[in-house]
């Protein structure tokens, strides 16, 4: 039962991480769409929305990398290997 419980906990963490990313992405899209419209309607001579689009976009991309494992060199697999290394050291 311990292994199944551990697998369940890992799956639960993964689902939460995915959910958090998708919420982040939807909020990014909605807010930036609003900013683009606001900028183009009220300040068409000054394109300032690009700064929030790019800055926040970098954050969304980084968040995505951590969720899918591409952006974290110290991810779950690294932690597992280190734990096994120190456990076998005894």
PDB file of N, CA and C in Angstrom:
ATOM      1  N   UNK A   1       0.818  -1.196   0.000  1.00  0.00           N
ATOM      2  CA  UNK A   1       0.000   0.000   0.000  1.00  0.00           C
ATOM      3  C   UNK A   1       0.859   1.256   0.000  1.00  0.00           C
ATOM      4  N   UNK A   2       2.055   1.185   0.559  1.00  0.00           N
ATOM      5  CA  UNK A   2       2.921   2.345   0.623  1.00  0.00           C
ATOM      6  C   UNK A   2       3.292   2.876  -0.743  1.00  0.00           C
ATOM      7  N   UNK A   3       3.601   1.953  -1.661  1.00  0.00           N
ATOM      8  CA  UNK A   3       3.981   2.375  -3.007  1.00  0.00           C
ATOM      9  C   UNK A   3       2.792   3.001  -3.737  1.00  0.00           C
ATOM     10  N   UNK A   4       1.606   2.395  -3.602  1.00  0.00           N
ATOM     11  CA  UNK A   4       0.424   2.957  -4.245  1.00  0.00           C
ATOM     12  C   UNK A   4       0.092   4.332  -3.682  1.00  0.00           C
ATOM     13  N   UNK A   5       0.241   4.484  -2.370  1.00  0.00           N
ATOM     14  CA  UNK A   5      -0.022   5.775  -1.743  1.00  0.00           C
ATOM     15  C   UNK A   5       0.980   6.826  -2.238  1.00  0.00           C
ATOM     16  N   UNK A   6       2.238   6.411  -2.364  1.00  0.00           N
ATOM     17  CA  UNK A   6       3.270   7.321  -2.853  1.00  0.00           C
ATOM     18  C   UNK A   6       2.990   7.713  -4.309  1.00  0.00           C
ATOM     19  N   UNK A   7       2.585   6.758  -5.122  1.00  0.00           N
ATOM     20  CA  UNK A   7       2.243   7.039  -6.519  1.00  0.00           C
ATOM     21  C   UNK A   7       1.044   7.987  -6.598  1.00  0.00           C
ATOM     22  N   UNK A   8       0.074   7.760  -5.731  1.00  0.00           N
ATOM     23  CA  UNK A   8      -1.099   8.630  -5.699  1.00  0.00           C
ATOM     24  C   UNK A   8      -0.699  10.057  -5.333  1.00  0.00           C
ATOM     25  N   UNK A   9       0.167  10.204  -4.336  1.00  0.00           N
ATOM     26  CA  UNK A   9       0.622  11.531  -3.916  1.00  0.00           C
ATOM     27  C   UNK A   9       1.374  12.233  -5.050  1.00  0.00           C
ATOM     28  N   UNK A  10       2.213  11.482  -5.770  1.00  0.00           N
ATOM     29  CA  UNK A  10       2.945  12.055  -6.903  1.00  0.00           C
ATOM     30  C   UNK A  10       1.980  12.496  -8.001  1.00  0.00           C
ATOM     31  N   UNK A  11       0.984  11.653  -8.291  1.00  0.00           N
ATOM     32  CA  UNK A  11      -0.017  11.993  -9.312  1.00  0.00           C
ATOM     33  C   UNK A  11      -0.808  13.222  -8.887  1.00  0.00           C
ATOM     34  N   UNK A  12      -1.141  13.302  -7.617  1.00  0.00           N
ATOM     35  CA  UNK A  12      -1.878  14.451  -7.095  1.00  0.00           C
ATOM     36  C   UNK A  12      -1.066  15.740  -7.244  1.00  0.00           C
ATOM     37  N   UNK A  13       0.223  15.677  -6.934  1.00  0.00           N
ATOM     38  CA  UNK A  13       1.103  16.839  -7.094  1.00  0.00           C
ATOM     39  C   UNK A  13       1.178  17.255  -8.555  1.00  0.00           C
ATOM     40  N   UNK A  14       1.269  16.268  -9.435  1.00  0.00           N
ATOM     41  CA  UNK A  14       1.366  16.547 -10.870  1.00  0.00           C
ATOM     42  C   UNK A  14       0.097  17.228 -11.380  1.00  0.00           C
ATOM     43  N   UNK A  15      -1.054  16.710 -10.979  1.00  0.00           N
ATOM     44  CA  UNK A  15      -2.328  17.294 -11.405  1.00  0.00           C
ATOM     45  C   UNK A  15      -2.454  18.724 -10.884  1.00  0.00           C
ATOM     46  N   UNK A  16      -2.059  18.959  -9.637  1.00  0.00           N
ATOM     47  CA  UNK A  16      -2.118  20.313  -9.072  1.00  0.00           C
ATOM     48  C   UNK A  16      -1.191  21.261  -9.834  1.00  0.00           C
ATOM     49  N   UNK A  17       0.008  20.780 -10.170  1.00  0.00           N
ATOM     50  CA  UNK A  17       0.949  21.611 -10.915  1.00  0.00           C
ATOM     51  C   UNK A  17       0.392  21.966 -12.293  1.00  0.00           C
ATOM     52  N   UNK A  18      -0.218  20.994 -12.964  1.00  0.00           N
ATOM     53  CA  UNK A  18      -0.829  21.256 -14.269  1.00  0.00           C
ATOM     54  C   UNK A  18      -1.984  22.244 -14.155  1.00  0.00           C
ATOM     55  N   UNK A  19      -2.820  22.042 -13.147  1.00  0.00           N
ATOM     56  CA  UNK A  19      -3.956  22.936 -12.929  1.00  0.00           C
ATOM     57  C   UNK A  19      -3.468  24.364 -12.679  1.00  0.00           C
ATOM     58  N   UNK A  20      -2.462  24.503 -11.817  1.00  0.00           N
ATOM     59  CA  UNK A  20      -1.915  25.829 -11.521  1.00  0.00           C
ATOM     60  C   UNK A  20      -1.359  26.496 -12.771  1.00  0.00           C
ATOM     61  N   UNK A  21      -0.681  25.712 -13.630  1.00  0.00           N
ATOM     62  CA  UNK A  21      -0.145  26.276 -14.863  1.00  0.00           C
ATOM     63  C   UNK A  21      -1.267  26.744 -15.777  1.00  0.00           C
ATOM     64  N   UNK A  22      -2.282  25.915 -15.963  1.00  0.00           N
ATOM     65  CA  UNK A  22      -3.384  26.291 -16.852  1.00  0.00           C
ATOM     66  C   UNK A  22      -4.126  27.523 -16.353  1.00  0.00           C
ATOM     67  N   UNK A  23      -4.292  27.639 -15.048  1.00  0.00           N
ATOM     68  CA  UNK A  23      -4.912  28.845 -14.486  1.00  0.00           C
ATOM     69  C   UNK A  23      -4.031  30.059 -14.777  1.00  0.00           C
ATOM     70  N   UNK A  24      -2.737  29.917 -14.575  1.00  0.00           N
ATOM     71  CA  UNK A  24      -1.785  30.993 -14.847  1.00  0.00           C
ATOM     72  C   UNK A  24      -1.875  31.410 -16.315  1.00  0.00           C
ATOM     73  N   UNK A  25      -1.928  30.438 -17.223  1.00  0.00           N
ATOM     74  CA  UNK A  25      -1.985  30.716 -18.646  1.00  0.00           C
ATOM     75  C   UNK A  25      -3.282  31.443 -19.024  1.00  0.00           C
ATOM     76  N   UNK A  26      -4.401  30.997 -18.485  1.00  0.00           N
ATOM     77  CA  UNK A  26      -5.691  31.638 -18.791  1.00  0.00           C
ATOM     78  C   UNK A  26      -5.712  33.074 -18.273  1.00  0.00           C
ATOM     79  N   UNK A  27      -5.225  33.292 -17.071  1.00  0.00           N
ATOM     80  CA  UNK A  27      -5.186  34.652 -16.518  1.00  0.00           C
ATOM     81  C   UNK A  27      -4.269  35.535 -17.365  1.00  0.00           C
ATOM     82  N   UNK A  28      -3.135  34.997 -17.770  1.00  0.00           N
ATOM     83  CA  UNK A  28      -2.203  35.727 -18.644  1.00  0.00           C
ATOM     84  C   UNK A  28      -2.897  36.157 -19.932  1.00  0.00           C
ATOM     85  N   UNK A  29      -3.591  35.228 -20.564  1.00  0.00           N
ATOM     86  CA  UNK A  29      -4.275  35.534 -21.826  1.00  0.00           C
ATOM     87  C   UNK A  29      -5.373  36.576 -21.627  1.00  0.00           C
ATOM     88  N   UNK A  30      -6.197  36.396 -20.612  1.00  0.00           N
ATOM     89  CA  UNK A  30      -7.306  37.329 -20.372  1.00  0.00           C
ATOM     90  C   UNK A  30      -6.818  38.730 -20.033  1.00  0.00           C
ATOM     91  N   UNK A  31      -5.886  38.820 -19.098  1.00  0.00           N
ATOM     92  CA  UNK A  31      -5.388  40.140 -18.677  1.00  0.00           C
ATOM     93  C   UNK A  31      -4.674  40.840 -19.824  1.00  0.00           C
ATOM     94  N   UNK A  32      -3.832  40.112 -20.533  1.00  0.00           N
ATOM     95  CA  UNK A  32      -3.095  40.757 -21.619  1.00  0.00           C
ATOM     96  C   UNK A  32      -3.995  41.125 -22.794  1.00  0.00           C
ATOM     97  N   UNK A  33      -5.028  40.339 -23.044  1.00  0.00           N
ATOM     98  CA  UNK A  33      -6.000  40.724 -24.069  1.00  0.00           C
ATOM     99  C   UNK A  33      -6.662  42.043 -23.679  1.00  0.00           C
ATOM    100  N   UNK A  34      -7.042  42.162 -22.420  1.00  0.00           N
ATOM    101  CA  UNK A  34      -7.626  43.409 -21.933  1.00  0.00           C
ATOM    102  C   UNK A  34      -6.662  44.577 -22.044  1.00  0.00           C
ATOM    103  N   UNK A  35      -5.408  44.353 -21.701  1.00  0.00           N
ATOM    104  CA  UNK A  35      -4.409  45.423 -21.791  1.00  0.00           C
ATOM    105  C   UNK A  35      -4.161  45.850 -23.237  1.00  0.00           C
ATOM    106  N   UNK A  36      -4.137  44.880 -24.135  1.00  0.00           N
ATOM    107  CA  UNK A  36      -3.933  45.202 -25.550  1.00  0.00           C
ATOM    108  C   UNK A  36      -5.089  46.063 -26.064  1.00  0.00           C
ATOM    109  N   UNK A  37      -6.299  45.639 -25.761  1.00  0.00           N
ATOM    110  CA  UNK A  37      -7.469  46.403 -26.201  1.00  0.00           C
ATOM    111  C   UNK A  37      -7.455  47.802 -25.597  1.00  0.00           C
ATOM    112  N   UNK A  38      -7.209  47.887 -24.293  1.00  0.00           N
ATOM    113  CA  UNK A  38      -7.165  49.189 -23.611  1.00  0.00           C
ATOM    114  C   UNK A  38      -6.106  50.090 -24.236  1.00  0.00           C
ATOM    115  N   UNK A  39      -4.918  49.527 -24.446  1.00  0.00           N
ATOM    116  CA  UNK A  39      -3.816  50.295 -25.021  1.00  0.00           C
ATOM    117  C   UNK A  39      -4.167  50.802 -26.422  1.00  0.00           C
ATOM    118  N   UNK A  40      -4.684  49.935 -27.265  1.00  0.00           N
ATOM    119  CA  UNK A  40      -4.963  50.322 -28.641  1.00  0.00           C
ATOM    120  C   UNK A  40      -6.143  51.282 -28.772  1.00  0.00           C
ATOM    121  N   UNK A  41      -7.094  51.203 -27.842  1.00  0.00           N
ATOM    122  CA  UNK A  41      -8.248  52.105 -27.889  1.00  0.00           C
ATOM    123  C   UNK A  41      -7.899  53.480 -27.326  1.00  0.00           C
ATOM    124  N   UNK A  42      -7.245  53.519 -26.168  1.00  0.00           N
ATOM    125  CA  UNK A  42      -7.007  54.789 -25.487  1.00  0.00           C
ATOM    126  C   UNK A  42      -5.641  55.423 -25.750  1.00  0.00           C
ATOM    127  N   UNK A  43      -4.651  54.628 -26.092  1.00  0.00           N
ATOM    128  CA  UNK A  43      -3.302  55.149 -26.335  1.00  0.00           C
ATOM    129  C   UNK A  43      -2.696  54.525 -27.592  1.00  0.00           C
ATOM    130  N   UNK A  44      -3.332  54.702 -28.735  1.00  0.00           N
ATOM    131  CA  UNK A  44      -2.851  54.024 -29.944  1.00  0.00           C
ATOM    132  C   UNK A  44      -1.474  54.483 -30.424  1.00  0.00           C
ATOM    133  N   UNK A  45      -1.042  55.641 -29.988  1.00  0.00           N
ATOM    134  CA  UNK A  45       0.272  56.146 -30.413  1.00  0.00           C
ATOM    135  C   UNK A  45       1.423  55.568 -29.606  1.00  0.00           C
ATOM    136  N   UNK A  46       1.112  54.949 -28.493  1.00  0.00           N
ATOM    137  CA  UNK A  46       2.137  54.386 -27.614  1.00  0.00           C
ATOM    138  C   UNK A  46       1.822  52.915 -27.350  1.00  0.00           C
ATOM    139  N   UNK A  47       2.649  52.049 -27.880  1.00  0.00           N
ATOM    140  CA  UNK A  47       2.421  50.610 -27.715  1.00  0.00           C
ATOM    141  C   UNK A  47       3.194  50.132 -26.479  1.00  0.00           C
ATOM    142  N   UNK A  48       2.553  50.219 -25.317  1.00  0.00           N
ATOM    143  CA  UNK A  48       3.205  49.816 -24.070  1.00  0.00           C
ATOM    144  C   UNK A  48       2.807  48.422 -23.606  1.00  0.00           C
ATOM    145  N   UNK A  49       1.760  47.849 -24.170  1.00  0.00           N
ATOM    146  CA  UNK A  49       1.316  46.528 -23.712  1.00  0.00           C
ATOM    147  C   UNK A  49       2.362  45.450 -23.950  1.00  0.00           C
ATOM    148  N   UNK A  50       3.260  45.700 -24.887  1.00  0.00           N
ATOM    149  CA  UNK A  50       4.272  44.702 -25.237  1.00  0.00           C
ATOM    150  C   UNK A  50       5.166  44.355 -24.036  1.00  0.00           C
ATOM    151  N   UNK A  51       5.372  45.314 -23.135  1.00  0.00           N
ATOM    152  CA  UNK A  51       6.242  45.079 -21.978  1.00  0.00           C
ATOM    153  C   UNK A  51       5.634  44.056 -21.016  1.00  0.00           C
ATOM    154  N   UNK A  52       4.339  44.205 -20.743  1.00  0.00           N
ATOM    155  CA  UNK A  52       3.702  43.210 -19.864  1.00  0.00           C
ATOM    156  C   UNK A  52       3.554  41.879 -20.584  1.00  0.00           C
ATOM    157  N   UNK A  53       3.278  41.939 -21.875  1.00  0.00           N
ATOM    158  CA  UNK A  53       3.136  40.721 -22.663  1.00  0.00           C
ATOM    159  C   UNK A  53       4.428  39.911 -22.632  1.00  0.00           C
ATOM    160  N   UNK A  54       5.544  40.564 -22.863  1.00  0.00           N
ATOM    161  CA  UNK A  54       6.837  39.870 -22.872  1.00  0.00           C
ATOM    162  C   UNK A  54       7.301  39.485 -21.465  1.00  0.00           C
ATOM    163  N   UNK A  55       7.221  40.426 -20.536  1.00  0.00           N
ATOM    164  CA  UNK A  55       7.685  40.146 -19.179  1.00  0.00           C
ATOM    165  C   UNK A  55       6.927  39.021 -18.523  1.00  0.00           C
ATOM    166  N   UNK A  56       5.622  39.104 -18.545  1.00  0.00           N
ATOM    167  CA  UNK A  56       4.789  38.065 -17.950  1.00  0.00           C
ATOM    168  C   UNK A  56       4.889  36.782 -18.766  1.00  0.00           C
ATOM    169  N   UNK A  57       5.054  36.929 -20.080  1.00  0.00           N
ATOM    170  CA  UNK A  57       5.195  35.770 -20.952  1.00  0.00           C
ATOM    171  C   UNK A  57       6.406  34.933 -20.590  1.00  0.00           C
ATOM    172  N   UNK A  58       7.490  35.587 -20.232  1.00  0.00           N
ATOM    173  CA  UNK A  58       8.686  34.865 -19.791  1.00  0.00           C
ATOM    174  C   UNK A  58       8.367  34.055 -18.535  1.00  0.00           C
ATOM    175  N   UNK A  59       7.591  34.652 -17.631  1.00  0.00           N
ATOM    176  CA  UNK A  59       7.184  33.940 -16.419  1.00  0.00           C
ATOM    177  C   UNK A  59       6.306  32.734 -16.720  1.00  0.00           C
ATOM    178  N   UNK A  60       5.390  32.876 -17.671  1.00  0.00           N
ATOM    179  CA  UNK A  60       4.520  31.757 -18.052  1.00  0.00           C
ATOM    180  C   UNK A  60       5.345  30.636 -18.678  1.00  0.00           C
ATOM    181  N   UNK A  61       6.292  31.005 -19.524  1.00  0.00           N
ATOM    182  CA  UNK A  61       7.156  29.996 -20.151  1.00  0.00           C
ATOM    183  C   UNK A  61       7.984  29.271 -19.096  1.00  0.00           C
ATOM    184  N   UNK A  62       8.549  30.017 -18.158  1.00  0.00           N
ATOM    185  CA  UNK A  62       9.328  29.399 -17.079  1.00  0.00           C
ATOM    186  C   UNK A  62       8.450  28.463 -16.247  1.00  0.00           C
ATOM    187  N   UNK A  63       7.228  28.885 -15.962  1.00  0.00           N
ATOM    188  CA  UNK A  63       6.290  28.060 -15.214  1.00  0.00           C
ATOM    189  C   UNK A  63       6.014  26.765 -15.987  1.00  0.00           C
ATOM    190  N   UNK A  64       5.807  26.891 -17.289  1.00  0.00           N
ATOM    191  CA  UNK A  64       5.574  25.713 -18.125  1.00  0.00           C
ATOM    192  C   UNK A  64       6.753  24.756 -18.116  1.00  0.00           C
ATOM    193  N   UNK A  65       7.966  25.298 -18.185  1.00  0.00           N
ATOM    194  CA  UNK A  65       9.153  24.438 -18.139  1.00  0.00           C
ATOM    195  C   UNK A  65       9.236  23.672 -16.824  1.00  0.00           C
ATOM    196  N   UNK A  66       8.910  24.317 -15.731  1.00  0.00           N
ATOM    197  CA  UNK A  66       8.977  23.613 -14.450  1.00  0.00           C
ATOM    198  C   UNK A  66       7.898  22.538 -14.339  1.00  0.00           C
ATOM    199  N   UNK A  67       6.734  22.782 -14.940  1.00  0.00           N
ATOM    200  CA  UNK A  67       5.646  21.793 -14.891  1.00  0.00           C
ATOM    201  C   UNK A  67       5.999  20.564 -15.719  1.00  0.00           C
ATOM    202  N   UNK A  68       6.572  20.785 -16.903  1.00  0.00           N
ATOM    203  CA  UNK A  68       6.881  19.664 -17.783  1.00  0.00           C
ATOM    204  C   UNK A  68       8.313  19.170 -17.625  1.00  0.00           C
ATOM    205  N   UNK A  69       9.031  19.667 -16.639  1.00  0.00           N
ATOM    206  CA  UNK A  69      10.345  19.138 -16.310  1.00  0.00           C
ATOM    207  C   UNK A  69      11.492  19.662 -17.144  1.00  0.00           C
ATOM    208  N   UNK A  70      11.229  20.473 -18.132  1.00  0.00           N
ATOM    209  CA  UNK A  70      12.299  20.956 -18.988  1.00  0.00           C
ATOM    210  C   UNK A  70      13.091  22.093 -18.382  1.00  0.00           C
ATOM    211  N   UNK A  71      12.515  22.792 -17.432  1.00  0.00           N
ATOM    212  CA  UNK A  71      13.171  23.980 -16.926  1.00  0.00           C
ATOM    213  C   UNK A  71      13.800  23.823 -15.562  1.00  0.00           C
ATOM    214  N   UNK A  72      13.750  22.639 -15.026  1.00  0.00           N
ATOM    215  CA  UNK A  72      14.274  22.470 -13.681  1.00  0.00           C
ATOM    216  C   UNK A  72      15.343  21.396 -13.663  1.00  0.00           C
ATOM    217  N   UNK A  73      16.591  21.807 -13.545  1.00  0.00           N
ATOM    218  CA  UNK A  73      17.657  20.813 -13.471  1.00  0.00           C
ATOM    219  C   UNK A  73      17.663  20.151 -12.100  1.00  0.00           C
ATOM    220  N   UNK A  74      16.992  20.748 -11.153  1.00  0.00           N
ATOM    221  CA  UNK A  74      16.879  20.176  -9.813  1.00  0.00           C
ATOM    222  C   UNK A  74      15.458  19.684  -9.576  1.00  0.00           C
ATOM    223  N   UNK A  75      14.906  18.985 -10.552  1.00  0.00           N
ATOM    224  CA  UNK A  75      13.534  18.496 -10.485  1.00  0.00           C
ATOM    225  C   UNK A  75      13.394  17.230  -9.656  1.00  0.00           C
ATOM    226  N   UNK A  76      12.251  16.595  -9.801  1.00  0.00           N
ATOM    227  CA  UNK A  76      11.910  15.416  -9.002  1.00  0.00           C
ATOM    228  C   UNK A  76      12.881  14.267  -9.235  1.00  0.00           C
ATOM    229  N   UNK A  77      13.298  14.072 -10.478  1.00  0.00           N
ATOM    230  CA  UNK A  77      14.226  12.969 -10.784  1.00  0.00           C
ATOM    231  C   UNK A  77      15.577  13.196 -10.108  1.00  0.00           C
ATOM    232  N   UNK A  78      16.056  14.424 -10.127  1.00  0.00           N
ATOM    233  CA  UNK A  78      17.311  14.755  -9.461  1.00  0.00           C
ATOM    234  C   UNK A  78      17.192  14.498  -7.963  1.00  0.00           C
ATOM    235  N   UNK A  79      16.064  14.953  -7.377  1.00  0.00           N
ATOM    236  CA  UNK A  79      15.842  14.732  -5.947  1.00  0.00           C
ATOM    237  C   UNK A  79      15.838  13.247  -5.614  1.00  0.00           C
ATOM    238  N   UNK A  80      15.160  12.464  -6.428  1.00  0.00           N
ATOM    239  CA  UNK A  80      15.075  11.013  -6.199  1.00  0.00           C
ATOM    240  C   UNK A  80      16.469  10.381  -6.227  1.00  0.00           C
ATOM    241  N   UNK A  81      17.289  10.762  -7.204  1.00  0.00           N
ATOM    242  CA  UNK A  81      18.647  10.215  -7.306  1.00  0.00           C
ATOM    243  C   UNK A  81      19.494  10.603  -6.102  1.00  0.00           C
ATOM    244  N   UNK A  82      19.367  11.847  -5.662  1.00  0.00           N
ATOM    245  CA  UNK A  82      20.143  12.300  -4.501  1.00  0.00           C
ATOM    246  C   UNK A  82      19.707  11.579  -3.224  1.00  0.00           C
ATOM    247  N   UNK A  83      18.416  11.395  -3.066  1.00  0.00           N
ATOM    248  CA  UNK A  83      17.907  10.681  -1.888  1.00  0.00           C
ATOM    249  C   UNK A  83      18.435   9.258  -1.887  1.00  0.00           C
ATOM    250  N   UNK A  84      18.380   8.593  -3.042  1.00  0.00           N
ATOM    251  CA  UNK A  84      18.886   7.218  -3.142  1.00  0.00           C
ATOM    252  C   UNK A  84      20.379   7.181  -2.849  1.00  0.00           C
ATOM    253  N   UNK A  85      21.117   8.165  -3.347  1.00  0.00           N
ATOM    254  CA  UNK A  85      22.553   8.222  -3.108  1.00  0.00           C
ATOM    255  C   UNK A  85      22.862   8.305  -1.623  1.00  0.00           C
ATOM    256  N   UNK A  86      22.158   9.202  -0.913  1.00  0.00           N
ATOM    257  CA  UNK A  86      22.432   9.386   0.512  1.00  0.00           C
ATOM    258  C   UNK A  86      21.884   8.236   1.352  1.00  0.00           C
ATOM    259  N   UNK A  87      20.824   7.619   0.902  1.00  0.00           N
ATOM    260  CA  UNK A  87      20.282   6.460   1.628  1.00  0.00           C
ATOM    261  C   UNK A  87      21.225   5.269   1.524  1.00  0.00           C
ATOM    262  N   UNK A  88      21.864   5.101   0.374  1.00  0.00           N
ATOM    263  CA  UNK A  88      22.793   3.977   0.156  1.00  0.00           C
ATOM    264  C   UNK A  88      24.147   4.220   0.807  1.00  0.00           C
ATOM    265  N   UNK A  89      24.411   5.436   1.220  1.00  0.00           N
ATOM    266  CA  UNK A  89      25.697   5.799   1.811  1.00  0.00           C
ATOM    267  C   UNK A  89      25.867   5.209   3.218  1.00  0.00           C
ATOM    268  N   UNK A  90      24.765   4.925   3.885  1.00  0.00           N
ATOM    269  CA  UNK A  90      24.833   4.446   5.279  1.00  0.00           C
ATOM    270  C   UNK A  90      25.490   3.126   5.405  1.00  0.00           C
TER     271      UNK A  90
END
